[in-house]
Amino acid sequence: MPLYMDIHKHVKGLTVEALAGAHQKDLVVQEKHGVKYLKY
């Protein structure tokens, strides 16, 4: 399986809470898209 890295640094206005919430949403749909999020 290929490994892809999607990195974003210094996103203006992004909070730790918003990032954690977005990651939780990713985990809900990852199987639907055939991906596995390893970390955020």
N, C-alpha and C. Protein backbone atom coordinates (compact mmCIF):
# COMPACT_ATOMS: atom_id res chain seq x y z
N MET A 1 0.84 -1.17 0.00
CA MET A 1 0.00 0.00 0.00
C MET A 1 0.90 1.24 0.00
N PRO A 2 0.61 2.20 -0.87
CA PRO A 2 1.40 3.44 -0.90
C PRO A 2 1.19 4.24 0.38
N LEU A 3 2.18 5.03 0.73
CA LEU A 3 2.10 5.91 1.88
C LEU A 3 2.20 7.34 1.38
N TYR A 4 1.20 8.15 1.68
CA TYR A 4 1.18 9.55 1.27
C TYR A 4 1.26 10.42 2.52
N MET A 5 1.97 11.52 2.40
CA MET A 5 2.10 12.45 3.52
C MET A 5 1.49 13.78 3.11
N ASP A 6 0.60 14.28 3.93
CA ASP A 6 -0.05 15.56 3.69
C ASP A 6 0.27 16.44 4.90
N ILE A 7 1.16 17.39 4.71
CA ILE A 7 1.66 18.19 5.83
C ILE A 7 1.28 19.65 5.63
N HIS A 8 0.75 20.24 6.68
CA HIS A 8 0.41 21.66 6.69
C HIS A 8 1.06 22.27 7.92
N LYS A 9 1.80 23.35 7.73
CA LYS A 9 2.47 24.01 8.85
C LYS A 9 1.96 25.43 8.99
N HIS A 10 1.83 25.86 10.22
CA HIS A 10 1.49 27.25 10.55
C HIS A 10 0.18 27.70 9.88
N VAL A 11 -0.89 26.96 10.10
CA VAL A 11 -2.19 27.33 9.56
C VAL A 11 -2.77 28.42 10.45
N LYS A 12 -2.92 29.60 9.90
CA LYS A 12 -3.36 30.76 10.67
C LYS A 12 -4.75 30.52 11.27
N GLY A 13 -4.85 30.74 12.57
CA GLY A 13 -6.12 30.63 13.26
C GLY A 13 -6.50 29.21 13.70
N LEU A 14 -5.70 28.23 13.37
CA LEU A 14 -6.02 26.85 13.72
C LEU A 14 -5.73 26.60 15.20
N THR A 15 -6.71 26.04 15.89
CA THR A 15 -6.53 25.72 17.30
C THR A 15 -6.32 24.22 17.46
N VAL A 16 -5.77 23.86 18.59
CA VAL A 16 -5.56 22.44 18.90
C VAL A 16 -6.90 21.72 18.90
N GLU A 17 -7.91 22.35 19.44
CA GLU A 17 -9.24 21.73 19.52
C GLU A 17 -9.82 21.50 18.13
N ALA A 18 -9.67 22.49 17.25
CA ALA A 18 -10.20 22.35 15.88
C ALA A 18 -9.46 21.25 15.13
N LEU A 19 -8.16 21.18 15.32
CA LEU A 19 -7.38 20.13 14.67
C LEU A 19 -7.80 18.74 15.14
N ALA A 20 -7.97 18.59 16.44
CA ALA A 20 -8.39 17.30 16.99
C ALA A 20 -9.78 16.93 16.47
N GLY A 21 -10.67 17.89 16.39
CA GLY A 21 -12.02 17.64 15.87
C GLY A 21 -12.00 17.22 14.41
N ALA A 22 -11.17 17.87 13.61
CA ALA A 22 -11.05 17.52 12.20
C ALA A 22 -10.50 16.11 12.05
N HIS A 23 -9.54 15.76 12.88
CA HIS A 23 -8.97 14.41 12.82
C HIS A 23 -10.02 13.37 13.18
N GLN A 24 -10.85 13.64 14.15
CA GLN A 24 -11.90 12.69 14.51
C GLN A 24 -12.85 12.46 13.34
N LYS A 25 -13.17 13.53 12.61
CA LYS A 25 -14.02 13.40 11.42
C LYS A 25 -13.33 12.56 10.35
N ASP A 26 -12.01 12.74 10.21
CA ASP A 26 -11.25 11.93 9.26
C ASP A 26 -11.35 10.45 9.60
N LEU A 27 -11.23 10.13 10.88
CA LEU A 27 -11.26 8.73 11.31
C LEU A 27 -12.61 8.09 11.00
N VAL A 28 -13.68 8.86 11.05
CA VAL A 28 -15.03 8.33 10.78
C VAL A 28 -15.15 7.90 9.32
N VAL A 29 -14.52 8.61 8.40
CA VAL A 29 -14.70 8.33 6.96
C VAL A 29 -13.51 7.65 6.30
N GLN A 30 -12.45 7.37 7.04
CA GLN A 30 -11.24 6.84 6.41
C GLN A 30 -11.48 5.53 5.66
N GLU A 31 -12.24 4.62 6.23
CA GLU A 31 -12.47 3.33 5.58
C GLU A 31 -13.23 3.50 4.27
N LYS A 32 -14.18 4.42 4.25
CA LYS A 32 -14.96 4.71 3.04
C LYS A 32 -14.06 5.08 1.87
N HIS A 33 -12.95 5.75 2.17
CA HIS A 33 -12.04 6.23 1.13
C HIS A 33 -10.80 5.35 0.97
N GLY A 34 -10.75 4.26 1.72
CA GLY A 34 -9.64 3.32 1.58
C GLY A 34 -8.31 3.85 2.10
N VAL A 35 -8.37 4.69 3.11
CA VAL A 35 -7.15 5.25 3.69
C VAL A 35 -7.10 4.93 5.18
N LYS A 36 -5.91 5.11 5.76
CA LYS A 36 -5.76 4.95 7.20
C LYS A 36 -4.88 6.10 7.69
N TYR A 37 -5.48 6.96 8.49
CA TYR A 37 -4.74 8.09 9.05
C TYR A 37 -3.86 7.60 10.18
N LEU A 38 -2.57 7.83 10.07
CA LEU A 38 -1.62 7.32 11.06
C LEU A 38 -1.42 8.28 12.22
N LYS A 39 -1.44 9.58 11.96
CA LYS A 39 -1.29 10.57 13.01
C LYS A 39 -1.74 11.93 12.49
N TYR A 40 -1.88 12.85 13.41
CA TYR A 40 -2.24 14.21 13.00
C TYR A 40 -1.44 15.22 13.76
